[in-house]
Amino acid sequence: MRVALWRVLLAPRTTLRAVRLQRTSRPPFDSDFDSAWRQARMHHAPDEIEYLLRHCARTEDR
């Protein structure tokens, strides 16, 4: 819940895009909110992709 709250407060447009993307995705490509948020963020701010890739690499190591 904390991450979602930070996302809403710091990037409300990206959060709305992610919710819209999550709702419109169809099986078998149903995405969770985190994946939808990352995808929406990559489209909106492509210069931040290196930070998203680092975050994905850290979560895979866990």
N, C-alpha and C. Protein backbone atom coordinates (compact mmCIF):
# COMPACT_ATOMS: atom_id res chain seq x y z
N MET A 1 0.82 -1.20 0.00
CA MET A 1 0.00 0.00 0.00
C MET A 1 0.86 1.25 0.00
N ARG A 2 2.00 1.20 0.65
CA ARG A 2 2.84 2.40 0.72
C ARG A 2 3.34 2.81 -0.66
N VAL A 3 3.76 1.83 -1.46
CA VAL A 3 4.28 2.15 -2.79
C VAL A 3 3.17 2.74 -3.66
N ALA A 4 1.99 2.15 -3.58
CA ALA A 4 0.87 2.67 -4.37
C ALA A 4 0.52 4.09 -3.96
N LEU A 5 0.56 4.38 -2.67
CA LEU A 5 0.26 5.73 -2.21
C LEU A 5 1.29 6.72 -2.71
N TRP A 6 2.57 6.37 -2.65
CA TRP A 6 3.63 7.25 -3.18
C TRP A 6 3.43 7.49 -4.66
N ARG A 7 3.07 6.44 -5.39
CA ARG A 7 2.87 6.59 -6.83
C ARG A 7 1.73 7.54 -7.14
N VAL A 8 0.65 7.43 -6.38
CA VAL A 8 -0.50 8.32 -6.60
C VAL A 8 -0.12 9.76 -6.29
N LEU A 9 0.62 9.97 -5.22
CA LEU A 9 0.98 11.33 -4.82
C LEU A 9 2.02 11.96 -5.74
N LEU A 10 3.02 11.18 -6.15
CA LEU A 10 4.12 11.75 -6.92
C LEU A 10 3.90 11.72 -8.43
N ALA A 11 3.11 10.78 -8.91
CA ALA A 11 2.89 10.67 -10.35
C ALA A 11 1.42 10.31 -10.62
N PRO A 12 0.50 11.23 -10.38
CA PRO A 12 -0.91 10.89 -10.54
C PRO A 12 -1.31 10.56 -11.98
N ARG A 13 -0.72 11.24 -12.95
CA ARG A 13 -1.07 10.94 -14.35
C ARG A 13 -0.60 9.55 -14.75
N THR A 14 0.59 9.19 -14.33
CA THR A 14 1.10 7.85 -14.63
C THR A 14 0.23 6.80 -13.96
N THR A 15 -0.22 7.08 -12.75
CA THR A 15 -1.07 6.13 -12.03
C THR A 15 -2.39 5.95 -12.77
N LEU A 16 -2.98 7.04 -13.25
CA LEU A 16 -4.24 6.93 -14.00
C LEU A 16 -4.04 6.17 -15.31
N ARG A 17 -2.92 6.42 -15.98
CA ARG A 17 -2.63 5.67 -17.20
C ARG A 17 -2.45 4.18 -16.91
N ALA A 18 -1.81 3.88 -15.78
CA ALA A 18 -1.60 2.48 -15.41
C ALA A 18 -2.92 1.79 -15.10
N VAL A 19 -3.80 2.47 -14.40
CA VAL A 19 -5.11 1.88 -14.09
C VAL A 19 -5.88 1.64 -15.38
N ARG A 20 -5.84 2.59 -16.30
CA ARG A 20 -6.52 2.44 -17.58
C ARG A 20 -5.92 1.28 -18.37
N LEU A 21 -4.60 1.19 -18.38
CA LEU A 21 -3.92 0.11 -19.09
C LEU A 21 -4.25 -1.25 -18.48
N GLN A 22 -4.29 -1.31 -17.17
CA GLN A 22 -4.61 -2.56 -16.49
C GLN A 22 -6.05 -3.00 -16.79
N ARG A 23 -6.96 -2.06 -16.84
CA ARG A 23 -8.36 -2.39 -17.11
C ARG A 23 -8.60 -2.82 -18.56
N THR A 24 -7.83 -2.25 -19.48
CA THR A 24 -8.06 -2.56 -20.88
C THR A 24 -7.28 -3.77 -21.37
N SER A 25 -6.33 -4.25 -20.57
CA SER A 25 -5.57 -5.42 -21.01
C SER A 25 -6.44 -6.67 -20.94
N ARG A 26 -6.22 -7.55 -21.89
CA ARG A 26 -7.05 -8.75 -22.00
C ARG A 26 -6.19 -9.99 -21.79
N PRO A 27 -6.82 -11.08 -21.38
CA PRO A 27 -6.07 -12.33 -21.21
C PRO A 27 -5.45 -12.75 -22.53
N PRO A 28 -4.33 -13.34 -22.60
CA PRO A 28 -3.43 -13.77 -21.53
C PRO A 28 -2.45 -12.69 -21.11
N PHE A 29 -2.68 -11.45 -21.50
CA PHE A 29 -1.75 -10.37 -21.18
C PHE A 29 -2.23 -9.53 -20.01
N ASP A 30 -3.04 -10.10 -19.14
CA ASP A 30 -3.45 -9.37 -17.95
C ASP A 30 -2.22 -9.01 -17.15
N SER A 31 -2.12 -7.77 -16.80
CA SER A 31 -0.94 -7.35 -16.04
C SER A 31 -1.38 -6.88 -14.66
N ASP A 32 -0.51 -7.05 -13.71
CA ASP A 32 -0.78 -6.51 -12.39
C ASP A 32 -0.52 -5.01 -12.43
N PHE A 33 -0.86 -4.34 -11.34
CA PHE A 33 -0.74 -2.89 -11.32
C PHE A 33 0.71 -2.44 -11.44
N ASP A 34 1.64 -3.15 -10.79
CA ASP A 34 3.05 -2.75 -10.86
C ASP A 34 3.57 -2.79 -12.29
N SER A 35 3.25 -3.85 -13.02
CA SER A 35 3.70 -3.95 -14.41
C SER A 35 3.06 -2.88 -15.27
N ALA A 36 1.78 -2.65 -15.05
CA ALA A 36 1.09 -1.61 -15.82
C ALA A 36 1.66 -0.23 -15.51
N TRP A 37 2.00 0.01 -14.25
CA TRP A 37 2.57 1.30 -13.87
C TRP A 37 3.93 1.51 -14.52
N ARG A 38 4.76 0.47 -14.51
CA ARG A 38 6.09 0.58 -15.14
C ARG A 38 5.96 0.82 -16.63
N GLN A 39 5.03 0.13 -17.27
CA GLN A 39 4.85 0.31 -18.71
C GLN A 39 4.35 1.73 -19.01
N ALA A 40 3.40 2.22 -18.24
CA ALA A 40 2.90 3.58 -18.44
C ALA A 40 4.01 4.60 -18.20
N ARG A 41 4.84 4.34 -17.21
CA ARG A 41 5.94 5.27 -16.91
C ARG A 41 6.97 5.27 -18.03
N MET A 42 7.25 4.10 -18.59
CA MET A 42 8.22 4.05 -19.69
C MET A 42 7.73 4.82 -20.90
N HIS A 43 6.43 4.78 -21.15
CA HIS A 43 5.89 5.53 -22.29
C HIS A 43 5.87 7.03 -22.01
N HIS A 44 5.64 7.39 -20.76
CA HIS A 44 5.54 8.81 -20.42
C HIS A 44 6.91 9.45 -20.18
N ALA A 45 7.85 8.70 -19.58
CA ALA A 45 9.17 9.25 -19.27
C ALA A 45 10.25 8.24 -19.67
N PRO A 46 10.53 8.15 -20.96
CA PRO A 46 11.49 7.14 -21.41
C PRO A 46 12.91 7.36 -20.89
N ASP A 47 13.24 8.55 -20.43
CA ASP A 47 14.57 8.79 -19.89
C ASP A 47 14.78 8.12 -18.52
N GLU A 48 13.72 7.64 -17.92
CA GLU A 48 13.83 6.97 -16.62
C GLU A 48 13.94 5.45 -16.74
N ILE A 49 14.09 4.93 -17.93
CA ILE A 49 14.09 3.49 -18.13
C ILE A 49 15.23 2.80 -17.39
N GLU A 50 16.38 3.44 -17.27
CA GLU A 50 17.50 2.80 -16.57
C GLU A 50 17.18 2.58 -15.09
N TYR A 51 16.42 3.48 -14.47
CA TYR A 51 16.03 3.30 -13.08
C TYR A 51 15.03 2.16 -12.94
N LEU A 52 14.11 2.06 -13.89
CA LEU A 52 13.14 0.96 -13.86
C LEU A 52 13.82 -0.38 -14.07
N LEU A 53 14.80 -0.42 -14.96
CA LEU A 53 15.51 -1.67 -15.18
C LEU A 53 16.31 -2.09 -13.95
N ARG A 54 16.90 -1.14 -13.26
CA ARG A 54 17.63 -1.47 -12.02
C ARG A 54 16.68 -2.02 -10.97
N HIS A 55 15.50 -1.41 -10.87
CA HIS A 55 14.51 -1.87 -9.90
C HIS A 55 14.05 -3.28 -10.23
N CYS A 56 13.83 -3.56 -11.49
CA CYS A 56 13.42 -4.91 -11.92
C CYS A 56 14.52 -5.92 -11.63
N ALA A 57 15.75 -5.55 -11.82
CA ALA A 57 16.86 -6.46 -11.54
C ALA A 57 16.96 -6.75 -10.05
N ARG A 58 16.73 -5.75 -9.22
CA ARG A 58 16.76 -5.95 -7.76
C ARG A 58 15.63 -6.85 -7.29
N THR A 59 14.44 -6.71 -7.86
CA THR A 59 13.32 -7.54 -7.44
C THR A 59 13.47 -8.97 -7.90
N GLU A 60 14.19 -9.21 -9.00
CA GLU A 60 14.42 -10.58 -9.46
C GLU A 60 15.42 -11.29 -8.57
N ASP A 61 16.36 -10.53 -7.98
CA ASP A 61 17.37 -11.13 -7.12
C ASP A 61 16.78 -11.62 -5.79
N ARG A 62 15.68 -11.06 -5.40
CA ARG A 62 15.09 -11.43 -4.10
C ARG A 62 14.43 -12.75 -4.14
